[in-house]
Amino acid sequence: MTESVDLEVVHETAYAYGAPVSVAHHLAHLQPLDDAHQRLLAHELAAEPAAEWQQRAVDRFGNACWWFSRATPHERLTVRSVSRLRLWPRFAGLQPEAGPAWDERAAQLRYRAHAPYDPAVEFVQPSPFVPRLAELRAWAQPECQPGRPVAELALALMHRLHAGFEYRSASTDIDTPLAQAFAQRAGVCQDFAHLLAGALRQCGLPARYVSGYLLTQPPEGGADLVGADASHAWVQVHVPGTPGVPDDGWLDLDPTNDVVPGTGHVRVAVGRDFGDVTPLRGVIRGAGQHSLQVAVRTRRLAPAGGPASC
């Protein structure tokens, strides 16, 4: 592995309720993934007022998640997640032109009676936030030349999406249908990720949604990235056998910024779409109207003895 980068991420979510909440149950996907290319050095999750019950679990996609509850009335809730990580580049030796053909990979994932089950098949199927769209299939079709390497096709779709769609803050919300985001050719990082995942699935290729964070200025240099100082989202496409991709076969693509993520992207959770990896959700009794504020700070930690950078 090449040189590592140490990062700290602070994610704070604050609710203010119009009336007291008597009972609250919450689920948080705020603890980053821990693997060979992203080492979780420390993580702390705390609520104010304090949770009366809290438990860590692992969901069916392998993500760490936290359940916590409070049954004492409260008018405010602040959830603070602090993570320290060490990241190594995952795709430094990527050779997209040398991988298997996309149409061969798609054929392997089609249903065949009594064939061995491939877990990647789940990520070819439509999901609640990423339905099948005929117009998205037609949009992707020009890139699907027979025999084209799967990673090269995925990169081409990412480049087209970035060039043809506008990142426009507050142009959509969580419930905006994918068809609307496609029609208006604009959205936020969640829409870009859902659109790319949808296009890849329409080609018969497995695509996962990734929630995470990123630095404004990537350690590898280049232009400032869009989506920093907030939760970010991108996509993974399954390209086993492609040189430069880890053994798990998943290649990360950030269509909002038109980059293959490096050490400035922190992966928190993976799933079929946003609904599987929502940072914080729950069920409450009471509250009435409420307001929500979210603040994220991601900074690079300096080597021992050096100054930190924001």
C-alpha atoms as a PDB file:
ATOM      1  CA  MET A   1       0.000   0.000   0.000  1.00  0.00           C
ATOM      2  CA  THR A   2       1.094   3.583  -0.603  1.00  0.00           C
ATOM      3  CA  GLU A   3       1.068   6.450   1.876  1.00  0.00           C
ATOM      4  CA  SER A   4      -1.881   6.604   4.252  1.00  0.00           C
ATOM      5  CA  VAL A   5      -3.940   9.633   5.305  1.00  0.00           C
ATOM      6  CA  ASP A   6      -5.457  10.164   8.771  1.00  0.00           C
ATOM      7  CA  LEU A   7      -8.822  11.920   8.971  1.00  0.00           C
ATOM      8  CA  GLU A   8     -11.276  13.013  11.635  1.00  0.00           C
ATOM      9  CA  VAL A   9     -15.008  13.333  10.949  1.00  0.00           C
ATOM     10  CA  VAL A  10     -17.450  15.065  13.299  1.00  0.00           C
ATOM     11  CA  HIS A  11     -21.127  14.690  12.357  1.00  0.00           C
ATOM     12  CA  GLU A  12     -23.681  16.482  14.535  1.00  0.00           C
ATOM     13  CA  THR A  13     -27.462  16.273  14.094  1.00  0.00           C
ATOM     14  CA  ALA A  14     -29.712  18.531  16.193  1.00  0.00           C
ATOM     15  CA  TYR A  15     -33.510  18.343  16.475  1.00  0.00           C
ATOM     16  CA  ALA A  16     -35.656  20.987  18.184  1.00  0.00           C
ATOM     17  CA  TYR A  17     -39.239  19.850  18.814  1.00  0.00           C
ATOM     18  CA  GLY A  18     -42.330  22.038  19.036  1.00  0.00           C
ATOM     19  CA  ALA A  19     -43.716  19.848  21.827  1.00  0.00           C
ATOM     20  CA  PRO A  20     -42.078  17.345  24.184  1.00  0.00           C
ATOM     21  CA  VAL A  21     -41.222  13.922  22.784  1.00  0.00           C
ATOM     22  CA  SER A  22     -42.273  11.267  25.281  1.00  0.00           C
ATOM     23  CA  VAL A  23     -40.777   8.203  23.549  1.00  0.00           C
ATOM     24  CA  ALA A  24     -38.083   8.015  20.877  1.00  0.00           C
ATOM     25  CA  HIS A  25     -36.430   5.087  19.091  1.00  0.00           C
ATOM     26  CA  HIS A  26     -33.604   5.805  16.640  1.00  0.00           C
ATOM     27  CA  LEU A  27     -31.344   3.932  14.220  1.00  0.00           C
ATOM     28  CA  ALA A  28     -28.011   5.488  13.199  1.00  0.00           C
ATOM     29  CA  HIS A  29     -25.673   4.569  10.351  1.00  0.00           C
ATOM     30  CA  LEU A  30     -22.870   6.886  11.444  1.00  0.00           C
ATOM     31  CA  GLN A  31     -19.962   4.533  12.205  1.00  0.00           C
ATOM     32  CA  PRO A  32     -17.581   4.269   9.213  1.00  0.00           C
ATOM     33  CA  LEU A  33     -16.642   0.935   7.693  1.00  0.00           C
ATOM     34  CA  ASP A  34     -13.475  -0.791   8.858  1.00  0.00           C
ATOM     35  CA  ASP A  35     -11.465  -2.833   6.333  1.00  0.00           C
ATOM     36  CA  ALA A  36      -8.044  -3.233   4.770  1.00  0.00           C
ATOM     37  CA  HIS A  37      -8.132   0.182   3.056  1.00  0.00           C
ATOM     38  CA  GLN A  38      -9.996   2.141   5.731  1.00  0.00           C
ATOM     39  CA  ARG A  39      -8.983   1.519   9.313  1.00  0.00           C
ATOM     40  CA  LEU A  40     -11.341   2.857  11.972  1.00  0.00           C
ATOM     41  CA  LEU A  41      -9.036   4.064  14.740  1.00  0.00           C
ATOM     42  CA  ALA A  42     -11.756   5.358  17.076  1.00  0.00           C
ATOM     43  CA  HIS A  43     -15.458   6.077  17.050  1.00  0.00           C
ATOM     44  CA  GLU A  44     -17.790   7.638  19.592  1.00  0.00           C
ATOM     45  CA  LEU A  45     -21.544   8.130  19.318  1.00  0.00           C
ATOM     46  CA  ALA A  46     -23.305  10.203  21.967  1.00  0.00           C
ATOM     47  CA  ALA A  47     -26.787  11.672  22.348  1.00  0.00           C
ATOM     48  CA  GLU A  48     -27.863  14.680  24.429  1.00  0.00           C
ATOM     49  CA  PRO A  49     -30.015  14.125  26.413  1.00  0.00           C
ATOM     50  CA  ALA A  50     -28.366  10.765  26.894  1.00  0.00           C
ATOM     51  CA  ALA A  51     -29.943   7.613  25.509  1.00  0.00           C
ATOM     52  CA  GLU A  52     -31.441   5.324  28.126  1.00  0.00           C
ATOM     53  CA  TRP A  53     -30.713   2.271  25.993  1.00  0.00           C
ATOM     54  CA  GLN A  54     -28.087   1.893  23.271  1.00  0.00           C
ATOM     55  CA  GLN A  55     -26.839  -1.116  21.316  1.00  0.00           C
ATOM     56  CA  ARG A  56     -24.505  -1.694  18.398  1.00  0.00           C
ATOM     57  CA  ALA A  57     -25.444  -4.128  15.637  1.00  0.00           C
ATOM     58  CA  VAL A  58     -24.357  -5.130  12.128  1.00  0.00           C
ATOM     59  CA  ASP A  59     -26.965  -4.964   9.369  1.00  0.00           C
ATOM     60  CA  ARG A  60     -27.344  -7.445   6.518  1.00  0.00           C
ATOM     61  CA  PHE A  61     -24.990  -5.436   4.281  1.00  0.00           C
ATOM     62  CA  GLY A  62     -22.184  -5.582   6.851  1.00  0.00           C
ATOM     63  CA  ASN A  63     -22.579  -1.995   8.085  1.00  0.00           C
ATOM     64  CA  ALA A  64     -22.201  -1.070  11.736  1.00  0.00           C
ATOM     65  CA  CYS A  65     -25.392   0.521  13.067  1.00  0.00           C
ATOM     66  CA  TRP A  66     -26.523   1.824  16.433  1.00  0.00           C
ATOM     67  CA  TRP A  67     -29.978   1.532  18.006  1.00  0.00           C
ATOM     68  CA  PHE A  68     -30.813   3.872  20.878  1.00  0.00           C
ATOM     69  CA  SER A  69     -33.942   4.907  22.766  1.00  0.00           C
ATOM     70  CA  ARG A  70     -35.206   7.395  25.322  1.00  0.00           C
ATOM     71  CA  ALA A  71     -38.540   7.227  27.172  1.00  0.00           C
ATOM     72  CA  THR A  72     -38.155  10.415  29.224  1.00  0.00           C
ATOM     73  CA  PRO A  73     -39.756  13.582  27.773  1.00  0.00           C
ATOM     74  CA  HIS A  74     -37.360  15.876  25.916  1.00  0.00           C
ATOM     75  CA  GLU A  75     -37.735  18.913  23.649  1.00  0.00           C
ATOM     76  CA  ARG A  76     -34.347  18.707  21.934  1.00  0.00           C
ATOM     77  CA  LEU A  77     -32.064  15.942  20.714  1.00  0.00           C
ATOM     78  CA  THR A  78     -28.458  16.231  19.567  1.00  0.00           C
ATOM     79  CA  VAL A  79     -26.602  13.225  18.187  1.00  0.00           C
ATOM     80  CA  ARG A  80     -22.844  13.606  17.791  1.00  0.00           C
ATOM     81  CA  SER A  81     -20.627  11.097  15.986  1.00  0.00           C
ATOM     82  CA  VAL A  82     -16.833  11.475  16.082  1.00  0.00           C
ATOM     83  CA  SER A  83     -14.623   9.170  13.990  1.00  0.00           C
ATOM     84  CA  ARG A  84     -10.888   8.946  13.431  1.00  0.00           C
ATOM     85  CA  LEU A  85      -9.660   6.922  10.488  1.00  0.00           C
ATOM     86  CA  ARG A  86      -6.595   5.941   8.498  1.00  0.00           C
ATOM     87  CA  LEU A  87      -7.141   5.569   4.737  1.00  0.00           C
ATOM     88  CA  TRP A  88      -5.039   4.059   1.971  1.00  0.00           C
ATOM     89  CA  PRO A  89      -5.696   4.440  -1.786  1.00  0.00           C
ATOM     90  CA  ARG A  90      -7.883   1.590  -3.060  1.00  0.00           C
ATOM     91  CA  PHE A  91      -7.639   2.050  -6.825  1.00  0.00           C
ATOM     92  CA  ALA A  92      -4.160   3.460  -7.490  1.00  0.00           C
ATOM     93  CA  GLY A  93      -3.411   0.739 -10.083  1.00  0.00           C
ATOM     94  CA  LEU A  94      -6.813   0.731 -11.775  1.00  0.00           C
ATOM     95  CA  GLN A  95      -6.782  -0.519 -15.396  1.00  0.00           C
ATOM     96  CA  PRO A  96     -10.403  -0.209 -16.551  1.00  0.00           C
ATOM     97  CA  GLU A  97      -9.548  -1.233 -20.110  1.00  0.00           C
ATOM     98  CA  ALA A  98      -8.183  -4.601 -18.953  1.00  0.00           C
ATOM     99  CA  GLY A  99     -11.223  -6.011 -17.171  1.00  0.00           C
ATOM    100  CA  PRO A 100     -13.928  -8.432 -18.315  1.00  0.00           C
ATOM    101  CA  ALA A 101     -16.616  -7.404 -20.791  1.00  0.00           C
ATOM    102  CA  TRP A 102     -19.768  -5.846 -19.348  1.00  0.00           C
ATOM    103  CA  ASP A 103     -22.129  -8.028 -21.408  1.00  0.00           C
ATOM    104  CA  GLU A 104     -20.394 -11.204 -20.241  1.00  0.00           C
ATOM    105  CA  ARG A 105     -20.683 -10.045 -16.628  1.00  0.00           C
ATOM    106  CA  ALA A 106     -24.347  -9.148 -17.080  1.00  0.00           C
ATOM    107  CA  ALA A 107     -25.037 -12.587 -18.612  1.00  0.00           C
ATOM    108  CA  GLN A 108     -23.452 -14.284 -15.598  1.00  0.00           C
ATOM    109  CA  LEU A 109     -25.943 -12.531 -13.301  1.00  0.00           C
ATOM    110  CA  ARG A 110     -29.106 -13.454 -15.194  1.00  0.00           C
ATOM    111  CA  TYR A 111     -31.349 -16.025 -13.601  1.00  0.00           C
ATOM    112  CA  ARG A 112     -30.520 -19.651 -14.416  1.00  0.00           C
ATOM    113  CA  ALA A 113     -32.241 -22.539 -12.703  1.00  0.00           C
ATOM    114  CA  HIS A 114     -29.973 -24.336 -10.203  1.00  0.00           C
ATOM    115  CA  ALA A 115     -27.051 -21.964 -10.869  1.00  0.00           C
ATOM    116  CA  PRO A 116     -24.876 -21.009  -7.856  1.00  0.00           C
ATOM    117  CA  TYR A 117     -26.111 -17.871  -6.125  1.00  0.00           C
ATOM    118  CA  ASP A 118     -24.021 -14.732  -6.622  1.00  0.00           C
ATOM    119  CA  PRO A 119     -24.645 -12.152  -3.827  1.00  0.00           C
ATOM    120  CA  ALA A 120     -24.058  -9.342  -6.328  1.00  0.00           C
ATOM    121  CA  VAL A 121     -27.369 -10.239  -8.017  1.00  0.00           C
ATOM    122  CA  GLU A 122     -29.261  -8.323  -5.310  1.00  0.00           C
ATOM    123  CA  PHE A 123     -27.664  -5.090  -6.507  1.00  0.00           C
ATOM    124  CA  VAL A 124     -28.839  -5.571 -10.090  1.00  0.00           C
ATOM    125  CA  GLN A 125     -32.474  -5.455  -8.983  1.00  0.00           C
ATOM    126  CA  PRO A 126     -34.547  -2.269  -8.633  1.00  0.00           C
ATOM    127  CA  SER A 127     -34.970  -0.855  -5.132  1.00  0.00           C
ATOM    128  CA  PRO A 128     -37.360   1.643  -3.494  1.00  0.00           C
ATOM    129  CA  PHE A 129     -35.323   4.737  -4.430  1.00  0.00           C
ATOM    130  CA  VAL A 130     -33.963   3.283  -7.702  1.00  0.00           C
ATOM    131  CA  PRO A 131     -36.838   1.890  -9.799  1.00  0.00           C
ATOM    132  CA  ARG A 132     -36.426   0.745 -13.366  1.00  0.00           C
ATOM    133  CA  LEU A 133     -36.784   3.685 -15.760  1.00  0.00           C
ATOM    134  CA  ALA A 134     -37.050   3.133 -19.494  1.00  0.00           C
ATOM    135  CA  GLU A 135     -35.677   6.625 -20.148  1.00  0.00           C
ATOM    136  CA  LEU A 136     -32.600   5.909 -18.018  1.00  0.00           C
ATOM    137  CA  ARG A 137     -31.998   2.674 -19.920  1.00  0.00           C
ATOM    138  CA  ALA A 138     -32.207   4.554 -23.214  1.00  0.00           C
ATOM    139  CA  TRP A 139     -29.805   7.197 -21.870  1.00  0.00           C
ATOM    140  CA  ALA A 140     -27.222   4.549 -20.927  1.00  0.00           C
ATOM    141  CA  GLN A 141     -27.554   2.434 -24.074  1.00  0.00           C
ATOM    142  CA  PRO A 142     -25.094   4.353 -26.330  1.00  0.00           C
ATOM    143  CA  GLU A 143     -22.226   3.424 -23.991  1.00  0.00           C
ATOM    144  CA  CYS A 144     -23.065  -0.297 -24.029  1.00  0.00           C
ATOM    145  CA  GLN A 145     -20.999  -1.488 -26.979  1.00  0.00           C
ATOM    146  CA  PRO A 146     -20.592  -5.294 -27.020  1.00  0.00           C
ATOM    147  CA  GLY A 147     -17.357  -6.453 -25.447  1.00  0.00           C
ATOM    148  CA  ARG A 148     -16.577  -3.151 -23.731  1.00  0.00           C
ATOM    149  CA  PRO A 149     -14.809  -3.691 -20.385  1.00  0.00           C
ATOM    150  CA  VAL A 150     -17.224  -3.315 -17.498  1.00  0.00           C
ATOM    151  CA  ALA A 151     -15.130  -0.750 -15.576  1.00  0.00           C
ATOM    152  CA  GLU A 152     -14.614   1.310 -18.732  1.00  0.00           C
ATOM    153  CA  LEU A 153     -18.380   1.342 -19.324  1.00  0.00           C
ATOM    154  CA  ALA A 154     -19.051   2.382 -15.724  1.00  0.00           C
ATOM    155  CA  LEU A 155     -16.535   5.227 -15.961  1.00  0.00           C
ATOM    156  CA  ALA A 156     -18.075   6.403 -19.246  1.00  0.00           C
ATOM    157  CA  LEU A 157     -21.532   6.530 -17.643  1.00  0.00           C
ATOM    158  CA  MET A 158     -20.114   8.490 -14.703  1.00  0.00           C
ATOM    159  CA  HIS A 159     -18.468  11.016 -17.055  1.00  0.00           C
ATOM    160  CA  ARG A 160     -21.699  11.461 -19.053  1.00  0.00           C
ATOM    161  CA  LEU A 161     -23.783  11.927 -15.936  1.00  0.00           C
ATOM    162  CA  HIS A 162     -21.416  14.524 -14.520  1.00  0.00           C
ATOM    163  CA  ALA A 163     -21.274  16.417 -17.810  1.00  0.00           C
ATOM    164  CA  GLY A 164     -24.990  16.305 -18.567  1.00  0.00           C
ATOM    165  CA  PHE A 165     -26.526  16.945 -15.140  1.00  0.00           C
ATOM    166  CA  GLU A 166     -26.192  19.983 -12.896  1.00  0.00           C
ATOM    167  CA  TYR A 167     -25.385  19.805  -9.206  1.00  0.00           C
ATOM    168  CA  ARG A 168     -27.958  22.175  -7.745  1.00  0.00           C
ATOM    169  CA  SER A 169     -28.221  22.506  -3.970  1.00  0.00           C
ATOM    170  CA  ALA A 170     -31.749  22.107  -2.551  1.00  0.00           C
ATOM    171  CA  SER A 171     -33.170  21.271  -5.996  1.00  0.00           C
ATOM    172  CA  THR A 172     -34.511  17.962  -4.664  1.00  0.00           C
ATOM    173  CA  ASP A 173     -35.293  16.396  -1.303  1.00  0.00           C
ATOM    174  CA  ILE A 174     -35.166  12.881   0.099  1.00  0.00           C
ATOM    175  CA  ASP A 175     -38.505  11.894  -1.458  1.00  0.00           C
ATOM    176  CA  THR A 176     -37.983  13.355  -4.946  1.00  0.00           C
ATOM    177  CA  PRO A 177     -38.668  10.547  -7.461  1.00  0.00           C
ATOM    178  CA  LEU A 178     -35.734   9.424  -9.553  1.00  0.00           C
ATOM    179  CA  ALA A 179     -37.719  10.128 -12.718  1.00  0.00           C
ATOM    180  CA  GLN A 180     -38.058  13.784 -11.698  1.00  0.00           C
ATOM    181  CA  ALA A 181     -34.335  14.165 -11.047  1.00  0.00           C
ATOM    182  CA  PHE A 182     -33.631  12.596 -14.447  1.00  0.00           C
ATOM    183  CA  ALA A 183     -36.157  14.827 -16.214  1.00  0.00           C
ATOM    184  CA  GLN A 184     -34.863  18.076 -14.714  1.00  0.00           C
ATOM    185  CA  ARG A 185     -31.222  17.050 -15.281  1.00  0.00           C
ATOM    186  CA  ALA A 186     -30.317  18.424 -11.853  1.00  0.00           C
ATOM    187  CA  GLY A 187     -30.032  17.265  -8.277  1.00  0.00           C
ATOM    188  CA  VAL A 188     -27.752  16.709  -5.318  1.00  0.00           C
ATOM    189  CA  CYS A 189     -25.246  13.953  -4.577  1.00  0.00           C
ATOM    190  CA  GLN A 190     -27.989  11.518  -3.532  1.00  0.00           C
ATOM    191  CA  ASP A 191     -29.666  11.950  -6.934  1.00  0.00           C
ATOM    192  CA  PHE A 192     -26.386  11.579  -8.824  1.00  0.00           C
ATOM    193  CA  ALA A 193     -25.689   8.326  -6.957  1.00  0.00           C
ATOM    194  CA  HIS A 194     -29.196   6.959  -7.546  1.00  0.00           C
ATOM    195  CA  LEU A 195     -29.070   7.895 -11.245  1.00  0.00           C
ATOM    196  CA  LEU A 196     -25.714   6.209 -11.819  1.00  0.00           C
ATOM    197  CA  ALA A 197     -26.803   3.136  -9.854  1.00  0.00           C
ATOM    198  CA  GLY A 198     -29.992   3.000 -11.918  1.00  0.00           C
ATOM    199  CA  ALA A 199     -28.126   3.296 -15.220  1.00  0.00           C
ATOM    200  CA  LEU A 200     -25.695   0.524 -14.261  1.00  0.00           C
ATOM    201  CA  ARG A 201     -28.509  -1.765 -13.139  1.00  0.00           C
ATOM    202  CA  GLN A 202     -30.354  -1.142 -16.399  1.00  0.00           C
ATOM    203  CA  CYS A 203     -27.252  -2.537 -18.090  1.00  0.00           C
ATOM    204  CA  GLY A 204     -27.500  -5.637 -15.887  1.00  0.00           C
ATOM    205  CA  LEU A 205     -24.577  -4.635 -13.659  1.00  0.00           C
ATOM    206  CA  PRO A 206     -24.555  -4.655  -9.831  1.00  0.00           C
ATOM    207  CA  ALA A 207     -24.386  -1.192  -8.260  1.00  0.00           C
ATOM    208  CA  ARG A 208     -24.348  -0.268  -4.566  1.00  0.00           C
ATOM    209  CA  TYR A 209     -25.143   3.074  -2.965  1.00  0.00           C
ATOM    210  CA  VAL A 210     -22.416   4.401  -0.646  1.00  0.00           C
ATOM    211  CA  SER A 211     -22.954   6.942   2.133  1.00  0.00           C
ATOM    212  CA  GLY A 212     -19.959   8.754   3.525  1.00  0.00           C
ATOM    213  CA  TYR A 213     -17.951  11.945   3.811  1.00  0.00           C
ATOM    214  CA  LEU A 214     -15.215  13.687   1.882  1.00  0.00           C
ATOM    215  CA  LEU A 215     -12.613  16.371   2.261  1.00  0.00           C
ATOM    216  CA  THR A 216     -13.102  19.635   0.386  1.00  0.00           C
ATOM    217  CA  GLN A 217      -9.527  19.388  -0.910  1.00  0.00           C
ATOM    218  CA  PRO A 218      -8.562  15.778  -1.687  1.00  0.00           C
ATOM    219  CA  PRO A 219      -5.120  14.612  -0.495  1.00  0.00           C
ATOM    220  CA  GLU A 220      -4.313  13.643  -4.091  1.00  0.00           C
ATOM    221  CA  GLY A 221      -4.676  17.284  -5.169  1.00  0.00           C
ATOM    222  CA  GLY A 222      -6.932  18.732  -7.853  1.00  0.00           C
ATOM    223  CA  ALA A 223     -10.017  20.911  -7.670  1.00  0.00           C
ATOM    224  CA  ASP A 224     -12.154  21.231  -4.554  1.00  0.00           C
ATOM    225  CA  LEU A 225     -14.801  18.517  -4.327  1.00  0.00           C
ATOM    226  CA  VAL A 226     -18.550  19.179  -4.237  1.00  0.00           C
ATOM    227  CA  GLY A 227     -20.425  17.728  -1.278  1.00  0.00           C
ATOM    228  CA  ALA A 228     -17.943  18.328   1.522  1.00  0.00           C
ATOM    229  CA  ASP A 229     -19.083  19.654   4.915  1.00  0.00           C
ATOM    230  CA  ALA A 230     -22.143  17.367   4.705  1.00  0.00           C
ATOM    231  CA  SER A 231     -22.943  13.716   4.247  1.00  0.00           C
ATOM    232  CA  HIS A 232     -21.979  12.615   0.753  1.00  0.00           C
ATOM    233  CA  ALA A 233     -23.057   9.761  -1.521  1.00  0.00           C
ATOM    234  CA  TRP A 234     -21.562   7.866  -4.424  1.00  0.00           C
ATOM    235  CA  VAL A 235     -21.718   4.432  -6.080  1.00  0.00           C
ATOM    236  CA  GLN A 236     -19.858   1.140  -6.227  1.00  0.00           C
ATOM    237  CA  VAL A 237     -20.035  -1.082  -9.307  1.00  0.00           C
ATOM    238  CA  HIS A 238     -19.031  -4.744  -9.143  1.00  0.00           C
ATOM    239  CA  VAL A 239     -16.139  -5.353 -11.553  1.00  0.00           C
ATOM    240  CA  PRO A 240     -14.379  -8.545 -10.375  1.00  0.00           C
ATOM    241  CA  GLY A 241     -11.254  -9.403 -12.313  1.00  0.00           C
ATOM    242  CA  THR A 242     -10.419  -5.787 -13.152  1.00  0.00           C
ATOM    243  CA  PRO A 243      -6.756  -4.935 -12.390  1.00  0.00           C
ATOM    244  CA  GLY A 244      -6.395  -2.378  -9.601  1.00  0.00           C
ATOM    245  CA  VAL A 245      -9.703  -3.262  -7.894  1.00  0.00           C
ATOM    246  CA  PRO A 246      -9.609  -4.951  -4.450  1.00  0.00           C
ATOM    247  CA  ASP A 247     -10.471  -8.624  -4.090  1.00  0.00           C
ATOM    248  CA  ASP A 248     -14.087  -7.810  -3.184  1.00  0.00           C
ATOM    249  CA  GLY A 249     -14.546  -6.549  -6.761  1.00  0.00           C
ATOM    250  CA  TRP A 250     -16.238  -3.243  -5.883  1.00  0.00           C
ATOM    251  CA  LEU A 251     -15.067  -0.093  -7.683  1.00  0.00           C
ATOM    252  CA  ASP A 252     -16.111   3.285  -6.217  1.00  0.00           C
ATOM    253  CA  LEU A 253     -17.316   6.075  -8.536  1.00  0.00           C
ATOM    254  CA  ASP A 254     -18.293   9.585  -7.430  1.00  0.00           C
ATOM    255  CA  PRO A 255     -20.486  11.035 -10.213  1.00  0.00           C
ATOM    256  CA  THR A 256     -21.033  14.333  -8.398  1.00  0.00           C
ATOM    257  CA  ASN A 257     -17.320  15.064  -8.755  1.00  0.00           C
ATOM    258  CA  ASP A 258     -16.504  12.765 -11.711  1.00  0.00           C
ATOM    259  CA  VAL A 259     -13.720  11.000  -9.799  1.00  0.00           C
ATOM    260  CA  VAL A 260     -12.691   7.572  -8.647  1.00  0.00           C
ATOM    261  CA  PRO A 261     -12.543   8.142  -4.871  1.00  0.00           C
ATOM    262  CA  GLY A 262      -9.152   8.256  -3.208  1.00  0.00           C
ATOM    263  CA  THR A 263      -8.116   8.908   0.361  1.00  0.00           C
ATOM    264  CA  GLY A 264     -10.412  11.933   0.683  1.00  0.00           C
ATOM    265  CA  HIS A 265     -13.568   9.784   0.660  1.00  0.00           C
ATOM    266  CA  VAL A 266     -14.685   8.105   3.902  1.00  0.00           C
ATOM    267  CA  ARG A 267     -17.073   5.177   3.451  1.00  0.00           C
ATOM    268  CA  VAL A 268     -19.738   4.857   6.148  1.00  0.00           C
ATOM    269  CA  ALA A 269     -22.229   2.310   4.817  1.00  0.00           C
ATOM    270  CA  VAL A 270     -23.324   0.516   1.641  1.00  0.00           C
ATOM    271  CA  GLY A 271     -26.771  -0.611   0.528  1.00  0.00           C
ATOM    272  CA  ARG A 272     -29.229  -0.737  -2.345  1.00  0.00           C
ATOM    273  CA  ASP A 273     -30.060   2.972  -2.018  1.00  0.00           C
ATOM    274  CA  PHE A 274     -30.383   5.828   0.478  1.00  0.00           C
ATOM    275  CA  GLY A 275     -33.137   4.057   2.400  1.00  0.00           C
ATOM    276  CA  ASP A 276     -30.763   1.298   3.525  1.00  0.00           C
ATOM    277  CA  VAL A 277     -28.104   3.656   4.915  1.00  0.00           C
ATOM    278  CA  THR A 278     -29.966   6.747   6.170  1.00  0.00           C
ATOM    279  CA  PRO A 279     -27.587   8.421   8.668  1.00  0.00           C
ATOM    280  CA  LEU A 280     -30.269   8.868  11.338  1.00  0.00           C
ATOM    281  CA  ARG A 281     -33.915   7.881  11.399  1.00  0.00           C
ATOM    282  CA  GLY A 282     -36.445   6.777  13.959  1.00  0.00           C
ATOM    283  CA  VAL A 283     -39.916   6.792  15.434  1.00  0.00           C
ATOM    284  CA  ILE A 284     -41.046   9.341  18.021  1.00  0.00           C
ATOM    285  CA  ARG A 285     -44.220  10.074  19.985  1.00  0.00           C
ATOM    286  CA  GLY A 286     -45.074  13.747  20.342  1.00  0.00           C
ATOM    287  CA  ALA A 287     -42.928  16.547  18.915  1.00  0.00           C
ATOM    288  CA  GLY A 288     -45.430  18.358  16.652  1.00  0.00           C
ATOM    289  CA  GLN A 289     -43.477  20.597  14.295  1.00  0.00           C
ATOM    290  CA  HIS A 290     -39.705  20.308  14.529  1.00  0.00           C
ATOM    291  CA  SER A 291     -36.531  21.753  13.030  1.00  0.00           C
ATOM    292  CA  LEU A 292     -33.387  19.943  11.986  1.00  0.00           C
ATOM    293  CA  GLN A 293     -29.802  21.114  11.688  1.00  0.00           C
ATOM    294  CA  VAL A 294     -26.907  18.968  10.462  1.00  0.00           C
ATOM    295  CA  ALA A 295     -23.244  19.916  10.615  1.00  0.00           C
ATOM    296  CA  VAL A 296     -20.315  17.865   9.311  1.00  0.00           C
ATOM    297  CA  ARG A 297     -16.628  18.628   9.611  1.00  0.00           C
ATOM    298  CA  THR A 298     -14.009  16.447   7.947  1.00  0.00           C
ATOM    299  CA  ARG A 299     -10.386  17.355   8.456  1.00  0.00           C
ATOM    300  CA  ARG A 300      -7.018  15.848   7.771  1.00  0.00           C
ATOM    301  CA  LEU A 301      -4.964  14.994  10.829  1.00  0.00           C
ATOM    302  CA  ALA A 302      -1.305  15.874  10.677  1.00  0.00           C
ATOM    303  CA  PRO A 303       1.496  13.374  11.215  1.00  0.00           C
ATOM    304  CA  ALA A 304       2.868  13.360  14.749  1.00  0.00           C
ATOM    305  CA  GLY A 305       4.383  16.735  15.517  1.00  0.00           C
ATOM    306  CA  GLY A 306       2.783  18.564  12.578  1.00  0.00           C
ATOM    307  CA  PRO A 307      -0.131  21.009  12.395  1.00  0.00           C
ATOM    308  CA  ALA A 308      -3.601  19.754  11.449  1.00  0.00           C
ATOM    309  CA  SER A 309      -5.317  21.070   8.328  1.00  0.00           C
ATOM    310  CA  CYS A 310      -9.007  21.848   7.870  1.00  0.00           C
END
